[in-house]
Amino acid sequence: MCDDTRFRGRCRTDVLQTGSCYNVPESFVDRISSIRNNDRNKDTCTWYRERQCRGESYSNQDDNNLADGNGRFNDAIRSYECKRK
């Protein structure tokens, strides 16, 4: 996840345990503008607008510009979880 589009700006790569929910670190809350699941061949990640993996969800595995389209998830992701395919 990065705080600018096209994977620029401040970025963070996490190693996750599948099946667990993770809240976005405070320094990235309301700032994420691009996302990528680096293990998308094995896992599927879901991104949420609320903490604790609640609220509206988004399942795109690689989006370099969350502001395009309807823009609902740009600067709005607060948690995420990944599961094995």
PDB file of N, CA and C in Angstrom:
ATOM      1  N   MET A   1       0.840  -1.169   0.000  1.00  0.00           N
ATOM      2  CA  MET A   1       0.000   0.000   0.000  1.00  0.00           C
ATOM      3  C   MET A   1       0.885   1.232   0.000  1.00  0.00           C
ATOM      4  N   CYS A   2       0.441   2.247  -0.734  1.00  0.00           N
ATOM      5  CA  CYS A   2       1.197   3.500  -0.821  1.00  0.00           C
ATOM      6  C   CYS A   2       0.251   4.678  -0.625  1.00  0.00           C
ATOM      7  N   ASP A   3       0.796   5.779  -0.148  1.00  0.00           N
ATOM      8  CA  ASP A   3      -0.060   6.931   0.101  1.00  0.00           C
ATOM      9  C   ASP A   3      -0.212   7.840  -1.112  1.00  0.00           C
ATOM     10  N   ASP A   4       0.396   7.483  -2.238  1.00  0.00           N
ATOM     11  CA  ASP A   4       0.184   8.190  -3.498  1.00  0.00           C
ATOM     12  C   ASP A   4      -0.214   7.187  -4.569  1.00  0.00           C
ATOM     13  N   THR A   5      -0.796   7.675  -5.648  1.00  0.00           N
ATOM     14  CA  THR A   5      -1.163   6.803  -6.759  1.00  0.00           C
ATOM     15  C   THR A   5       0.090   6.253  -7.427  1.00  0.00           C
ATOM     16  N   ARG A   6      -0.104   5.201  -8.189  1.00  0.00           N
ATOM     17  CA  ARG A   6       0.955   4.551  -8.965  1.00  0.00           C
ATOM     18  C   ARG A   6       2.126   4.081  -8.093  1.00  0.00           C
ATOM     19  N   PHE A   7       1.796   3.695  -6.866  1.00  0.00           N
ATOM     20  CA  PHE A   7       2.772   3.123  -5.923  1.00  0.00           C
ATOM     21  C   PHE A   7       3.939   4.067  -5.654  1.00  0.00           C
ATOM     22  N   ARG A   8       3.614   5.339  -5.504  1.00  0.00           N
ATOM     23  CA  ARG A   8       4.620   6.345  -5.165  1.00  0.00           C
ATOM     24  C   ARG A   8       4.342   6.873  -3.765  1.00  0.00           C
ATOM     25  N   GLY A   9       5.212   7.747  -3.329  1.00  0.00           N
ATOM     26  CA  GLY A   9       5.075   8.299  -1.984  1.00  0.00           C
ATOM     27  C   GLY A   9       5.545   7.295  -0.956  1.00  0.00           C
ATOM     28  N   ARG A  10       5.012   7.409   0.223  1.00  0.00           N
ATOM     29  CA  ARG A  10       5.356   6.489   1.306  1.00  0.00           C
ATOM     30  C   ARG A  10       4.629   5.175   1.088  1.00  0.00           C
ATOM     31  N   CYS A  11       5.360   4.068   1.097  1.00  0.00           N
ATOM     32  CA  CYS A  11       4.763   2.746   0.866  1.00  0.00           C
ATOM     33  C   CYS A  11       5.076   1.814   2.030  1.00  0.00           C
ATOM     34  N   ARG A  12       4.247   0.801   2.140  1.00  0.00           N
ATOM     35  CA  ARG A  12       4.409  -0.192   3.200  1.00  0.00           C
ATOM     36  C   ARG A  12       4.101  -1.562   2.616  1.00  0.00           C
ATOM     37  N   THR A  13       4.959  -2.536   2.913  1.00  0.00           N
ATOM     38  CA  THR A  13       4.731  -3.921   2.524  1.00  0.00           C
ATOM     39  C   THR A  13       4.657  -4.745   3.797  1.00  0.00           C
ATOM     40  N   ASP A  14       3.571  -5.470   3.957  1.00  0.00           N
ATOM     41  CA  ASP A  14       3.374  -6.286   5.154  1.00  0.00           C
ATOM     42  C   ASP A  14       3.415  -7.764   4.800  1.00  0.00           C
ATOM     43  N   VAL A  15       3.934  -8.561   5.709  1.00  0.00           N
ATOM     44  CA  VAL A  15       3.839 -10.017   5.615  1.00  0.00           C
ATOM     45  C   VAL A  15       2.714 -10.409   6.559  1.00  0.00           C
ATOM     46  N   LEU A  16       1.676 -11.013   6.004  1.00  0.00           N
ATOM     47  CA  LEU A  16       0.461 -11.268   6.770  1.00  0.00           C
ATOM     48  C   LEU A  16       0.238 -12.736   7.043  1.00  0.00           C
ATOM     49  N   GLN A  17      -0.450 -12.997   8.106  1.00  0.00           N
ATOM     50  CA  GLN A  17      -0.965 -14.336   8.369  1.00  0.00           C
ATOM     51  C   GLN A  17      -2.344 -14.384   7.726  1.00  0.00           C
ATOM     52  N   THR A  18      -2.549 -15.325   6.808  1.00  0.00           N
ATOM     53  CA  THR A  18      -3.846 -15.400   6.144  1.00  0.00           C
ATOM     54  C   THR A  18      -4.933 -15.735   7.157  1.00  0.00           C
ATOM     55  N   GLY A  19      -6.116 -15.196   6.899  1.00  0.00           N
ATOM     56  CA  GLY A  19      -7.255 -15.441   7.771  1.00  0.00           C
ATOM     57  C   GLY A  19      -7.363 -14.481   8.939  1.00  0.00           C
ATOM     58  N   SER A  20      -6.449 -13.521   9.026  1.00  0.00           N
ATOM     59  CA  SER A  20      -6.480 -12.544  10.115  1.00  0.00           C
ATOM     60  C   SER A  20      -6.784 -11.158   9.557  1.00  0.00           C
ATOM     61  N   CYS A  21      -7.463 -10.359  10.349  1.00  0.00           N
ATOM     62  CA  CYS A  21      -7.769  -8.981   9.982  1.00  0.00           C
ATOM     63  C   CYS A  21      -6.679  -8.068  10.537  1.00  0.00           C
ATOM     64  N   TYR A  22      -6.272  -7.089   9.734  1.00  0.00           N
ATOM     65  CA  TYR A  22      -5.259  -6.124  10.151  1.00  0.00           C
ATOM     66  C   TYR A  22      -5.800  -4.718   9.967  1.00  0.00           C
ATOM     67  N   ASN A  23      -5.687  -3.903  11.000  1.00  0.00           N
ATOM     68  CA  ASN A  23      -6.026  -2.497  10.869  1.00  0.00           C
ATOM     69  C   ASN A  23      -4.841  -1.767  10.258  1.00  0.00           C
ATOM     70  N   VAL A  24      -5.131  -0.804   9.415  1.00  0.00           N
ATOM     71  CA  VAL A  24      -4.088   0.005   8.792  1.00  0.00           C
ATOM     72  C   VAL A  24      -3.375   0.792   9.897  1.00  0.00           C
ATOM     73  N   PRO A  25      -2.038   0.870   9.855  1.00  0.00           N
ATOM     74  CA  PRO A  25      -1.319   1.669  10.852  1.00  0.00           C
ATOM     75  C   PRO A  25      -1.798   3.125  10.824  1.00  0.00           C
ATOM     76  N   GLU A  26      -1.812   3.762  11.962  1.00  0.00           N
ATOM     77  CA  GLU A  26      -2.313   5.135  12.072  1.00  0.00           C
ATOM     78  C   GLU A  26      -1.684   6.074  11.046  1.00  0.00           C
ATOM     79  N   SER A  27      -0.410   5.883  10.742  1.00  0.00           N
ATOM     80  CA  SER A  27       0.263   6.783   9.801  1.00  0.00           C
ATOM     81  C   SER A  27      -0.258   6.645   8.372  1.00  0.00           C
ATOM     82  N   PHE A  28      -1.041   5.594   8.085  1.00  0.00           N
ATOM     83  CA  PHE A  28      -1.604   5.394   6.749  1.00  0.00           C
ATOM     84  C   PHE A  28      -3.129   5.584   6.706  1.00  0.00           C
ATOM     85  N   VAL A  29      -3.770   5.785   7.838  1.00  0.00           N
ATOM     86  CA  VAL A  29      -5.222   5.966   7.863  1.00  0.00           C
ATOM     87  C   VAL A  29      -5.584   7.209   7.047  1.00  0.00           C
ATOM     88  N   ASP A  30      -6.574   7.069   6.174  1.00  0.00           N
ATOM     89  CA  ASP A  30      -7.063   8.147   5.305  1.00  0.00           C
ATOM     90  C   ASP A  30      -5.987   8.671   4.357  1.00  0.00           C
ATOM     91  N   ARG A  31      -5.031   7.811   3.977  1.00  0.00           N
ATOM     92  CA  ARG A  31      -3.951   8.243   3.089  1.00  0.00           C
ATOM     93  C   ARG A  31      -3.671   7.277   1.940  1.00  0.00           C
ATOM     94  N   ILE A  32      -4.196   6.072   1.942  1.00  0.00           N
ATOM     95  CA  ILE A  32      -3.825   5.047   0.958  1.00  0.00           C
ATOM     96  C   ILE A  32      -4.472   5.343  -0.393  1.00  0.00           C
ATOM     97  N   SER A  33      -3.630   5.438  -1.438  1.00  0.00           N
ATOM     98  CA  SER A  33      -4.117   5.730  -2.790  1.00  0.00           C
ATOM     99  C   SER A  33      -3.765   4.658  -3.806  1.00  0.00           C
ATOM    100  N   SER A  34      -2.978   3.658  -3.414  1.00  0.00           N
ATOM    101  CA  SER A  34      -2.696   2.516  -4.301  1.00  0.00           C
ATOM    102  C   SER A  34      -2.436   1.284  -3.438  1.00  0.00           C
ATOM    103  N   ILE A  35      -2.909   0.129  -3.952  1.00  0.00           N
ATOM    104  CA  ILE A  35      -2.793  -1.126  -3.206  1.00  0.00           C
ATOM    105  C   ILE A  35      -2.354  -2.245  -4.134  1.00  0.00           C
ATOM    106  N   ARG A  36      -1.667  -3.224  -3.567  1.00  0.00           N
ATOM    107  CA  ARG A  36      -1.263  -4.398  -4.351  1.00  0.00           C
ATOM    108  C   ARG A  36      -1.096  -5.588  -3.421  1.00  0.00           C
ATOM    109  N   ASN A  37      -1.636  -6.711  -3.843  1.00  0.00           N
ATOM    110  CA  ASN A  37      -1.425  -7.977  -3.150  1.00  0.00           C
ATOM    111  C   ASN A  37      -0.285  -8.685  -3.872  1.00  0.00           C
ATOM    112  N   ASN A  38       0.887  -8.734  -3.276  1.00  0.00           N
ATOM    113  CA  ASN A  38       2.055  -9.359  -3.911  1.00  0.00           C
ATOM    114  C   ASN A  38       1.951 -10.870  -3.985  1.00  0.00           C
ATOM    115  N   ASP A  39       1.042 -11.472  -3.248  1.00  0.00           N
ATOM    116  CA  ASP A  39       0.841 -12.930  -3.265  1.00  0.00           C
ATOM    117  C   ASP A  39      -0.491 -13.294  -3.912  1.00  0.00           C
ATOM    118  N   ARG A  40      -0.936 -12.513  -4.874  1.00  0.00           N
ATOM    119  CA  ARG A  40      -2.269 -12.710  -5.456  1.00  0.00           C
ATOM    120  C   ARG A  40      -2.453 -14.037  -6.171  1.00  0.00           C
ATOM    121  N   ASN A  41      -1.366 -14.750  -6.483  1.00  0.00           N
ATOM    122  CA  ASN A  41      -1.507 -16.080  -7.084  1.00  0.00           C
ATOM    123  C   ASN A  41      -1.937 -17.121  -6.053  1.00  0.00           C
ATOM    124  N   LYS A  42      -1.641 -16.864  -4.765  1.00  0.00           N
ATOM    125  CA  LYS A  42      -1.982 -17.801  -3.688  1.00  0.00           C
ATOM    126  C   LYS A  42      -3.124 -17.321  -2.805  1.00  0.00           C
ATOM    127  N   ASP A  43      -3.207 -16.001  -2.620  1.00  0.00           N
ATOM    128  CA  ASP A  43      -4.147 -15.418  -1.664  1.00  0.00           C
ATOM    129  C   ASP A  43      -5.039 -14.375  -2.330  1.00  0.00           C
ATOM    130  N   THR A  44      -6.174 -14.130  -1.715  1.00  0.00           N
ATOM    131  CA  THR A  44      -7.064 -13.050  -2.127  1.00  0.00           C
ATOM    132  C   THR A  44      -7.236 -12.115  -0.943  1.00  0.00           C
ATOM    133  N   CYS A  45      -6.984 -10.836  -1.163  1.00  0.00           N
ATOM    134  CA  CYS A  45      -7.122  -9.852  -0.091  1.00  0.00           C
ATOM    135  C   CYS A  45      -8.381  -9.018  -0.298  1.00  0.00           C
ATOM    136  N   THR A  46      -8.961  -8.623   0.808  1.00  0.00           N
ATOM    137  CA  THR A  46     -10.124  -7.745   0.802  1.00  0.00           C
ATOM    138  C   THR A  46      -9.777  -6.530   1.646  1.00  0.00           C
ATOM    139  N   TRP A  47     -10.113  -5.359   1.135  1.00  0.00           N
ATOM    140  CA  TRP A  47      -9.806  -4.079   1.768  1.00  0.00           C
ATOM    141  C   TRP A  47     -11.117  -3.483   2.264  1.00  0.00           C
ATOM    142  N   TYR A  48     -11.105  -2.875   3.443  1.00  0.00           N
ATOM    143  CA  TYR A  48     -12.336  -2.382   4.073  1.00  0.00           C
ATOM    144  C   TYR A  48     -12.229  -0.903   4.415  1.00  0.00           C
ATOM    145  N   ARG A  49     -13.386  -0.238   4.400  1.00  0.00           N
ATOM    146  CA  ARG A  49     -13.447   1.189   4.740  1.00  0.00           C
ATOM    147  C   ARG A  49     -13.511   1.427   6.251  1.00  0.00           C
ATOM    148  N   GLU A  50     -13.738   0.381   7.025  1.00  0.00           N
ATOM    149  CA  GLU A  50     -13.818   0.516   8.485  1.00  0.00           C
ATOM    150  C   GLU A  50     -12.764  -0.369   9.148  1.00  0.00           C
ATOM    151  N   ARG A  51     -12.428  -0.054  10.371  1.00  0.00           N
ATOM    152  CA  ARG A  51     -11.507  -0.883  11.144  1.00  0.00           C
ATOM    153  C   ARG A  51     -12.142  -2.235  11.432  1.00  0.00           C
ATOM    154  N   GLN A  52     -11.328  -3.200  11.812  1.00  0.00           N
ATOM    155  CA  GLN A  52     -11.780  -4.550  12.172  1.00  0.00           C
ATOM    156  C   GLN A  52     -12.442  -5.283  11.000  1.00  0.00           C
ATOM    157  N   CYS A  53     -12.056  -4.929   9.769  1.00  0.00           N
ATOM    158  CA  CYS A  53     -12.567  -5.582   8.542  1.00  0.00           C
ATOM    159  C   CYS A  53     -14.086  -5.536   8.475  1.00  0.00           C
ATOM    160  N   ARG A  54     -14.603  -4.349   8.663  1.00  0.00           N
ATOM    161  CA  ARG A  54     -16.048  -4.120   8.595  1.00  0.00           C
ATOM    162  C   ARG A  54     -16.344  -3.024   7.583  1.00  0.00           C
ATOM    163  N   GLY A  55     -17.601  -2.927   7.242  1.00  0.00           N
ATOM    164  CA  GLY A  55     -18.033  -1.885   6.315  1.00  0.00           C
ATOM    165  C   GLY A  55     -17.856  -2.314   4.869  1.00  0.00           C
ATOM    166  N   GLU A  56     -17.931  -1.340   3.991  1.00  0.00           N
ATOM    167  CA  GLU A  56     -17.790  -1.614   2.564  1.00  0.00           C
ATOM    168  C   GLU A  56     -16.455  -2.276   2.282  1.00  0.00           C
ATOM    169  N   SER A  57     -16.463  -3.210   1.335  1.00  0.00           N
ATOM    170  CA  SER A  57     -15.221  -3.923   1.011  1.00  0.00           C
ATOM    171  C   SER A  57     -14.885  -3.793  -0.465  1.00  0.00           C
ATOM    172  N   TYR A  58     -13.625  -4.011  -0.769  1.00  0.00           N
ATOM    173  CA  TYR A  58     -13.082  -3.890  -2.121  1.00  0.00           C
ATOM    174  C   TYR A  58     -12.117  -5.048  -2.309  1.00  0.00           C
ATOM    175  N   SER A  59     -12.254  -5.768  -3.415  1.00  0.00           N
ATOM    176  CA  SER A  59     -11.455  -6.985  -3.595  1.00  0.00           C
ATOM    177  C   SER A  59     -10.463  -6.926  -4.743  1.00  0.00           C
ATOM    178  N   ASN A  60     -10.244  -5.759  -5.333  1.00  0.00           N
ATOM    179  CA  ASN A  60      -9.235  -5.656  -6.384  1.00  0.00           C
ATOM    180  C   ASN A  60      -7.869  -5.969  -5.778  1.00  0.00           C
ATOM    181  N   GLN A  61      -7.074  -6.787  -6.435  1.00  0.00           N
ATOM    182  CA  GLN A  61      -5.785  -7.218  -5.895  1.00  0.00           C
ATOM    183  C   GLN A  61      -4.624  -6.318  -6.301  1.00  0.00           C
ATOM    184  N   ASP A  62      -4.859  -5.425  -7.253  1.00  0.00           N
ATOM    185  CA  ASP A  62      -3.795  -4.549  -7.750  1.00  0.00           C
ATOM    186  C   ASP A  62      -4.448  -3.309  -8.340  1.00  0.00           C
ATOM    187  N   ASP A  63      -4.396  -2.206  -7.622  1.00  0.00           N
ATOM    188  CA  ASP A  63      -5.016  -0.968  -8.088  1.00  0.00           C
ATOM    189  C   ASP A  63      -4.036   0.167  -7.843  1.00  0.00           C
ATOM    190  N   ASN A  64      -3.497   0.713  -8.930  1.00  0.00           N
ATOM    191  CA  ASN A  64      -2.486   1.758  -8.780  1.00  0.00           C
ATOM    192  C   ASN A  64      -3.090   3.152  -8.645  1.00  0.00           C
ATOM    193  N   ASN A  65      -4.423   3.254  -8.701  1.00  0.00           N
ATOM    194  CA  ASN A  65      -5.057   4.561  -8.557  1.00  0.00           C
ATOM    195  C   ASN A  65      -6.462   4.388  -7.978  1.00  0.00           C
ATOM    196  N   LEU A  66      -6.553   4.403  -6.671  1.00  0.00           N
ATOM    197  CA  LEU A  66      -7.850   4.246  -6.014  1.00  0.00           C
ATOM    198  C   LEU A  66      -8.763   5.445  -6.239  1.00  0.00           C
ATOM    199  N   ALA A  67      -8.230   6.554  -6.750  1.00  0.00           N
ATOM    200  CA  ALA A  67      -9.035   7.753  -6.980  1.00  0.00           C
ATOM    201  C   ALA A  67      -9.838   7.683  -8.271  1.00  0.00           C
ATOM    202  N   ASP A  68      -9.451   6.813  -9.209  1.00  0.00           N
ATOM    203  CA  ASP A  68     -10.217   6.732 -10.453  1.00  0.00           C
ATOM    204  C   ASP A  68     -11.470   5.890 -10.237  1.00  0.00           C
ATOM    205  N   GLY A  69     -12.260   5.699 -11.237  1.00  0.00           N
ATOM    206  CA  GLY A  69     -13.529   4.983 -11.053  1.00  0.00           C
ATOM    207  C   GLY A  69     -14.417   5.784 -10.121  1.00  0.00           C
ATOM    208  N   ASN A  70     -15.023   5.137  -9.137  1.00  0.00           N
ATOM    209  CA  ASN A  70     -15.888   5.888  -8.224  1.00  0.00           C
ATOM    210  C   ASN A  70     -15.109   6.517  -7.076  1.00  0.00           C
ATOM    211  N   GLY A  71     -13.852   6.139  -6.895  1.00  0.00           N
ATOM    212  CA  GLY A  71     -12.988   6.768  -5.900  1.00  0.00           C
ATOM    213  C   GLY A  71     -13.362   6.526  -4.450  1.00  0.00           C
ATOM    214  N   ARG A  72     -14.296   5.635  -4.195  1.00  0.00           N
ATOM    215  CA  ARG A  72     -14.791   5.436  -2.828  1.00  0.00           C
ATOM    216  C   ARG A  72     -13.739   4.903  -1.854  1.00  0.00           C
ATOM    217  N   PHE A  73     -12.709   4.256  -2.356  1.00  0.00           N
ATOM    218  CA  PHE A  73     -11.706   3.684  -1.455  1.00  0.00           C
ATOM    219  C   PHE A  73     -10.424   4.507  -1.395  1.00  0.00           C
ATOM    220  N   ASN A  74     -10.329   5.560  -2.187  1.00  0.00           N
ATOM    221  CA  ASN A  74      -9.153   6.421  -2.123  1.00  0.00           C
ATOM    222  C   ASN A  74      -9.129   7.135  -0.775  1.00  0.00           C
ATOM    223  N   ASP A  75      -8.011   7.056  -0.091  1.00  0.00           N
ATOM    224  CA  ASP A  75      -7.846   7.672   1.230  1.00  0.00           C
ATOM    225  C   ASP A  75      -8.929   7.216   2.211  1.00  0.00           C
ATOM    226  N   ALA A  76      -9.396   5.967   2.058  1.00  0.00           N
ATOM    227  CA  ALA A  76     -10.494   5.502   2.910  1.00  0.00           C
ATOM    228  C   ALA A  76     -10.284   4.096   3.476  1.00  0.00           C
ATOM    229  N   ILE A  77      -9.238   3.386   3.079  1.00  0.00           N
ATOM    230  CA  ILE A  77      -9.025   2.021   3.571  1.00  0.00           C
ATOM    231  C   ILE A  77      -8.526   2.069   5.012  1.00  0.00           C
ATOM    232  N   ARG A  78      -9.182   1.293   5.869  1.00  0.00           N
ATOM    233  CA  ARG A  78      -8.810   1.273   7.286  1.00  0.00           C
ATOM    234  C   ARG A  78      -8.422  -0.101   7.797  1.00  0.00           C
ATOM    235  N   SER A  79      -8.718  -1.154   7.019  1.00  0.00           N
ATOM    236  CA  SER A  79      -8.326  -2.506   7.434  1.00  0.00           C
ATOM    237  C   SER A  79      -8.333  -3.421   6.223  1.00  0.00           C
ATOM    238  N   TYR A  80      -7.752  -4.618   6.403  1.00  0.00           N
ATOM    239  CA  TYR A  80      -7.665  -5.574   5.297  1.00  0.00           C
ATOM    240  C   TYR A  80      -7.421  -6.967   5.844  1.00  0.00           C
ATOM    241  N   GLU A  81      -7.781  -7.962   5.038  1.00  0.00           N
ATOM    242  CA  GLU A  81      -7.518  -9.354   5.389  1.00  0.00           C
ATOM    243  C   GLU A  81      -7.260 -10.121   4.105  1.00  0.00           C
ATOM    244  N   CYS A  82      -6.460 -11.171   4.211  1.00  0.00           N
ATOM    245  CA  CYS A  82      -6.155 -12.021   3.064  1.00  0.00           C
ATOM    246  C   CYS A  82      -6.482 -13.465   3.424  1.00  0.00           C
ATOM    247  N   LYS A  83      -6.985 -14.188   2.433  1.00  0.00           N
ATOM    248  CA  LYS A  83      -7.339 -15.596   2.621  1.00  0.00           C
ATOM    249  C   LYS A  83      -6.749 -16.411   1.490  1.00  0.00           C
ATOM    250  N   ARG A  84      -6.429 -17.663   1.781  1.00  0.00           N
ATOM    251  CA  ARG A  84      -5.941 -18.581   0.745  1.00  0.00           C
ATOM    252  C   ARG A  84      -7.029 -18.807  -0.282  1.00  0.00           C
ATOM    253  N   LYS A  85      -6.619 -18.936  -1.527  1.00  0.00           N
ATOM    254  CA  LYS A  85      -7.580 -19.230  -2.602  1.00  0.00           C
ATOM    255  C   LYS A  85      -8.072 -20.646  -2.496  1.00  0.00           C
TER     256      LYS A  85
END
